[in-house]
Amino acid sequence: HWHGETFEIPAGASHEFYSEACTNQCFIYNGRVVGLQFHVEVTEGLLDAIISNGEDELVPGEYVQIREKLLEGAVHIKRNNELMFSILDELDKL
């Protein structure tokens, strides 16, 4: 589950989100395709399940967060879900 792999932005797509750890986090192509490499759909229960399922892979590294740091990120769940529904609402208008 952890994002050890990434993707190339398609030619002609707009590069929307990035970070030092992940250059290609979001793109929009032709106003109709959205590519994401982050999880706006996560709920608190899903976050717990994702961590529990992949906890053996949380080895120390430059961009690897430990369980406690991942759980601290739960404060962003509501805003991420709002972003997800905003994206879906815009796509529904197409």
N, C-alpha and C. Protein backbone atom coordinates (compact mmCIF):
# COMPACT_ATOMS: atom_id res chain seq x y z
N HIS A 1 0.80 -1.20 0.00
CA HIS A 1 0.00 0.00 0.00
C HIS A 1 0.85 1.27 0.00
N TRP A 2 1.96 1.26 0.70
CA TRP A 2 2.75 2.49 0.79
C TRP A 2 3.28 2.84 -0.59
N HIS A 3 3.40 4.10 -0.87
CA HIS A 3 3.67 4.56 -2.23
C HIS A 3 5.14 4.45 -2.60
N GLY A 4 5.61 3.24 -2.75
CA GLY A 4 6.98 3.01 -3.18
C GLY A 4 7.14 3.18 -4.68
N GLU A 5 6.04 3.10 -5.40
CA GLU A 5 6.05 3.31 -6.84
C GLU A 5 5.32 4.62 -7.13
N THR A 6 5.57 5.16 -8.30
CA THR A 6 4.87 6.38 -8.69
C THR A 6 4.55 6.29 -10.17
N PHE A 7 4.18 7.38 -10.77
CA PHE A 7 3.77 7.40 -12.17
C PHE A 7 4.33 8.65 -12.83
N GLU A 8 4.30 8.65 -14.14
CA GLU A 8 4.66 9.84 -14.92
C GLU A 8 3.38 10.58 -15.27
N ILE A 9 3.45 11.88 -15.25
CA ILE A 9 2.30 12.69 -15.65
C ILE A 9 2.15 12.58 -17.17
N PRO A 10 0.94 12.29 -17.65
CA PRO A 10 0.75 12.18 -19.11
C PRO A 10 1.04 13.51 -19.82
N ALA A 11 1.52 13.42 -21.03
CA ALA A 11 1.76 14.61 -21.84
C ALA A 11 0.45 15.38 -21.97
N GLY A 12 0.51 16.67 -21.76
CA GLY A 12 -0.67 17.51 -21.88
C GLY A 12 -1.47 17.65 -20.59
N ALA A 13 -1.11 16.92 -19.56
CA ALA A 13 -1.82 17.01 -18.28
C ALA A 13 -1.25 18.16 -17.45
N SER A 14 -2.07 18.71 -16.58
CA SER A 14 -1.58 19.75 -15.68
C SER A 14 -1.16 19.10 -14.36
N HIS A 15 0.00 19.48 -13.91
CA HIS A 15 0.61 18.95 -12.69
C HIS A 15 0.06 19.78 -11.53
N GLU A 16 -0.73 19.18 -10.65
CA GLU A 16 -1.44 19.94 -9.63
C GLU A 16 -0.79 19.91 -8.25
N PHE A 17 -0.45 18.73 -7.73
CA PHE A 17 0.10 18.62 -6.37
C PHE A 17 1.39 17.84 -6.40
N TYR A 18 2.31 18.23 -5.53
CA TYR A 18 3.58 17.52 -5.40
C TYR A 18 4.14 17.79 -4.01
N SER A 19 5.11 17.01 -3.64
CA SER A 19 5.84 17.24 -2.40
C SER A 19 7.28 16.81 -2.62
N GLU A 20 8.12 17.09 -1.67
CA GLU A 20 9.51 16.66 -1.76
C GLU A 20 9.60 15.14 -1.85
N ALA A 21 8.73 14.46 -1.13
CA ALA A 21 8.76 13.00 -1.09
C ALA A 21 8.14 12.36 -2.33
N CYS A 22 7.20 13.05 -2.96
CA CYS A 22 6.48 12.46 -4.10
C CYS A 22 6.20 13.56 -5.13
N THR A 23 6.95 13.54 -6.19
CA THR A 23 6.86 14.59 -7.20
C THR A 23 5.49 14.65 -7.87
N ASN A 24 4.92 13.51 -8.15
CA ASN A 24 3.65 13.46 -8.88
C ASN A 24 2.53 12.97 -7.97
N GLN A 25 1.88 13.90 -7.27
CA GLN A 25 0.79 13.50 -6.39
C GLN A 25 -0.57 13.70 -7.02
N CYS A 26 -0.67 14.58 -7.99
CA CYS A 26 -1.97 14.81 -8.63
C CYS A 26 -1.77 15.44 -9.99
N PHE A 27 -2.59 14.99 -10.94
CA PHE A 27 -2.65 15.65 -12.24
C PHE A 27 -4.09 15.67 -12.72
N ILE A 28 -4.36 16.60 -13.61
CA ILE A 28 -5.66 16.66 -14.29
C ILE A 28 -5.38 16.62 -15.77
N TYR A 29 -6.08 15.74 -16.47
CA TYR A 29 -5.88 15.58 -17.90
C TYR A 29 -7.17 15.87 -18.63
N ASN A 30 -7.10 16.78 -19.57
CA ASN A 30 -8.21 17.10 -20.45
C ASN A 30 -9.46 17.52 -19.67
N GLY A 31 -9.27 18.04 -18.46
CA GLY A 31 -10.41 18.50 -17.67
C GLY A 31 -11.37 17.42 -17.24
N ARG A 32 -11.02 16.14 -17.50
CA ARG A 32 -11.96 15.05 -17.22
C ARG A 32 -11.33 13.88 -16.47
N VAL A 33 -10.02 13.87 -16.37
CA VAL A 33 -9.33 12.77 -15.70
C VAL A 33 -8.51 13.35 -14.55
N VAL A 34 -8.65 12.76 -13.38
CA VAL A 34 -7.87 13.17 -12.22
C VAL A 34 -7.07 11.97 -11.74
N GLY A 35 -5.76 12.15 -11.64
CA GLY A 35 -4.89 11.09 -11.12
C GLY A 35 -4.33 11.53 -9.78
N LEU A 36 -4.52 10.70 -8.76
CA LEU A 36 -4.07 11.03 -7.41
C LEU A 36 -3.13 9.96 -6.87
N GLN A 37 -2.15 10.39 -6.10
CA GLN A 37 -1.33 9.44 -5.36
C GLN A 37 -1.32 9.86 -3.90
N PHE A 38 -2.50 9.99 -3.37
CA PHE A 38 -2.72 10.18 -1.94
C PHE A 38 -4.16 9.80 -1.68
N HIS A 39 -4.49 9.61 -0.43
CA HIS A 39 -5.78 9.01 -0.09
C HIS A 39 -6.74 10.01 0.53
N VAL A 40 -7.63 10.55 -0.29
CA VAL A 40 -8.65 11.46 0.22
C VAL A 40 -9.85 10.69 0.77
N GLU A 41 -9.91 9.38 0.53
CA GLU A 41 -11.05 8.56 0.95
C GLU A 41 -10.90 7.97 2.34
N VAL A 42 -9.78 8.21 2.99
CA VAL A 42 -9.49 7.58 4.27
C VAL A 42 -10.43 8.09 5.37
N THR A 43 -10.92 7.15 6.16
CA THR A 43 -11.66 7.44 7.39
C THR A 43 -10.77 7.01 8.55
N GLU A 44 -11.18 7.32 9.77
CA GLU A 44 -10.36 6.89 10.91
C GLU A 44 -10.25 5.37 10.96
N GLY A 45 -11.36 4.67 10.71
CA GLY A 45 -11.33 3.21 10.71
C GLY A 45 -10.43 2.65 9.62
N LEU A 46 -10.50 3.26 8.44
CA LEU A 46 -9.66 2.80 7.33
C LEU A 46 -8.19 3.09 7.62
N LEU A 47 -7.90 4.23 8.23
CA LEU A 47 -6.51 4.55 8.58
C LEU A 47 -5.95 3.49 9.52
N ASP A 48 -6.71 3.12 10.53
CA ASP A 48 -6.27 2.07 11.45
C ASP A 48 -6.02 0.76 10.71
N ALA A 49 -6.93 0.41 9.79
CA ALA A 49 -6.79 -0.85 9.04
C ALA A 49 -5.57 -0.82 8.13
N ILE A 50 -5.35 0.30 7.44
CA ILE A 50 -4.19 0.42 6.55
C ILE A 50 -2.89 0.27 7.34
N ILE A 51 -2.83 0.95 8.47
CA ILE A 51 -1.61 0.88 9.29
C ILE A 51 -1.40 -0.53 9.81
N SER A 52 -2.45 -1.14 10.34
CA SER A 52 -2.32 -2.50 10.88
C SER A 52 -1.91 -3.49 9.81
N ASN A 53 -2.49 -3.35 8.62
CA ASN A 53 -2.20 -4.28 7.53
C ASN A 53 -0.77 -4.15 7.01
N GLY A 54 -0.22 -2.94 7.03
CA GLY A 54 1.11 -2.73 6.45
C GLY A 54 2.16 -2.30 7.45
N GLU A 55 1.88 -2.50 8.73
CA GLU A 55 2.79 -1.99 9.75
C GLU A 55 4.19 -2.59 9.66
N ASP A 56 4.29 -3.82 9.20
CA ASP A 56 5.60 -4.46 9.08
C ASP A 56 6.49 -3.77 8.04
N GLU A 57 5.88 -2.96 7.17
CA GLU A 57 6.64 -2.24 6.15
C GLU A 57 7.07 -0.85 6.61
N LEU A 58 6.67 -0.44 7.80
CA LEU A 58 7.00 0.89 8.32
C LEU A 58 8.39 0.87 8.95
N VAL A 59 9.38 0.73 8.11
CA VAL A 59 10.77 0.71 8.57
C VAL A 59 11.32 2.14 8.49
N PRO A 60 12.21 2.50 9.38
CA PRO A 60 12.74 3.86 9.37
C PRO A 60 13.33 4.24 8.00
N GLY A 61 12.99 5.43 7.56
CA GLY A 61 13.49 5.94 6.29
C GLY A 61 13.17 7.41 6.18
N GLU A 62 13.76 8.06 5.20
CA GLU A 62 13.61 9.51 5.06
C GLU A 62 12.15 9.94 4.97
N TYR A 63 11.33 9.21 4.23
CA TYR A 63 9.94 9.61 4.04
C TYR A 63 8.96 8.59 4.60
N VAL A 64 9.41 7.73 5.49
CA VAL A 64 8.54 6.72 6.09
C VAL A 64 8.13 7.20 7.47
N GLN A 65 6.83 7.36 7.66
CA GLN A 65 6.32 7.78 8.95
C GLN A 65 6.04 6.57 9.82
N ILE A 66 6.32 6.69 11.10
CA ILE A 66 6.00 5.61 12.02
C ILE A 66 4.51 5.68 12.37
N ARG A 67 4.01 4.61 12.94
CA ARG A 67 2.58 4.49 13.27
C ARG A 67 2.04 5.75 13.97
N GLU A 68 2.74 6.22 14.98
CA GLU A 68 2.27 7.37 15.75
C GLU A 68 2.12 8.61 14.88
N LYS A 69 3.08 8.85 13.99
CA LYS A 69 3.01 10.01 13.10
C LYS A 69 1.84 9.87 12.12
N LEU A 70 1.63 8.66 11.61
CA LEU A 70 0.50 8.44 10.71
C LEU A 70 -0.81 8.72 11.42
N LEU A 71 -0.93 8.27 12.65
CA LEU A 71 -2.16 8.49 13.42
C LEU A 71 -2.36 9.97 13.75
N GLU A 72 -1.27 10.71 13.93
CA GLU A 72 -1.38 12.16 14.14
C GLU A 72 -2.02 12.84 12.94
N GLY A 73 -1.84 12.26 11.76
CA GLY A 73 -2.42 12.81 10.55
C GLY A 73 -3.93 12.69 10.48
N ALA A 74 -4.53 11.97 11.42
CA ALA A 74 -5.98 11.81 11.42
C ALA A 74 -6.71 13.15 11.53
N VAL A 75 -6.03 14.18 12.03
CA VAL A 75 -6.66 15.50 12.12
C VAL A 75 -7.01 16.05 10.74
N HIS A 76 -6.43 15.49 9.68
CA HIS A 76 -6.67 15.97 8.32
C HIS A 76 -7.77 15.19 7.60
N ILE A 77 -8.30 14.16 8.23
CA ILE A 77 -9.27 13.29 7.55
C ILE A 77 -10.49 14.07 7.08
N LYS A 78 -11.07 14.89 7.93
CA LYS A 78 -12.28 15.63 7.55
C LYS A 78 -12.01 16.50 6.32
N ARG A 79 -10.92 17.23 6.32
CA ARG A 79 -10.60 18.11 5.18
C ARG A 79 -10.31 17.30 3.93
N ASN A 80 -9.62 16.19 4.07
CA ASN A 80 -9.35 15.33 2.91
C ASN A 80 -10.64 14.78 2.33
N ASN A 81 -11.57 14.37 3.18
CA ASN A 81 -12.85 13.87 2.70
C ASN A 81 -13.63 14.97 1.99
N GLU A 82 -13.56 16.20 2.51
CA GLU A 82 -14.20 17.33 1.84
C GLU A 82 -13.60 17.54 0.45
N LEU A 83 -12.28 17.43 0.35
CA LEU A 83 -11.61 17.55 -0.95
C LEU A 83 -12.10 16.47 -1.90
N MET A 84 -12.20 15.24 -1.40
CA MET A 84 -12.67 14.13 -2.23
C MET A 84 -14.06 14.43 -2.78
N PHE A 85 -14.98 14.86 -1.92
CA PHE A 85 -16.34 15.12 -2.38
C PHE A 85 -16.38 16.31 -3.33
N SER A 86 -15.52 17.29 -3.12
CA SER A 86 -15.44 18.42 -4.04
C SER A 86 -14.98 17.96 -5.42
N ILE A 87 -13.97 17.10 -5.47
CA ILE A 87 -13.50 16.55 -6.75
C ILE A 87 -14.62 15.75 -7.41
N LEU A 88 -15.28 14.90 -6.64
CA LEU A 88 -16.36 14.08 -7.20
C LEU A 88 -17.52 14.94 -7.69
N ASP A 89 -17.86 15.99 -6.96
CA ASP A 89 -18.93 16.89 -7.40
C ASP A 89 -18.58 17.55 -8.73
N GLU A 90 -17.32 17.97 -8.88
CA GLU A 90 -16.90 18.59 -10.14
C GLU A 90 -16.93 17.58 -11.29
N LEU A 91 -16.49 16.37 -11.03
CA LEU A 91 -16.53 15.34 -12.08
C LEU A 91 -17.96 14.98 -12.45
N ASP A 92 -18.86 15.02 -11.49
CA ASP A 92 -20.27 14.71 -11.74
C ASP A 92 -20.91 15.73 -12.67
N LYS A 93 -20.38 16.94 -12.71
CA LYS A 93 -20.92 17.99 -13.57
C LYS A 93 -20.53 17.81 -15.03
N LEU A 94 -19.57 16.96 -15.30
CA LEU A 94 -19.08 16.79 -16.68
C LEU A 94 -20.09 16.08 -17.55
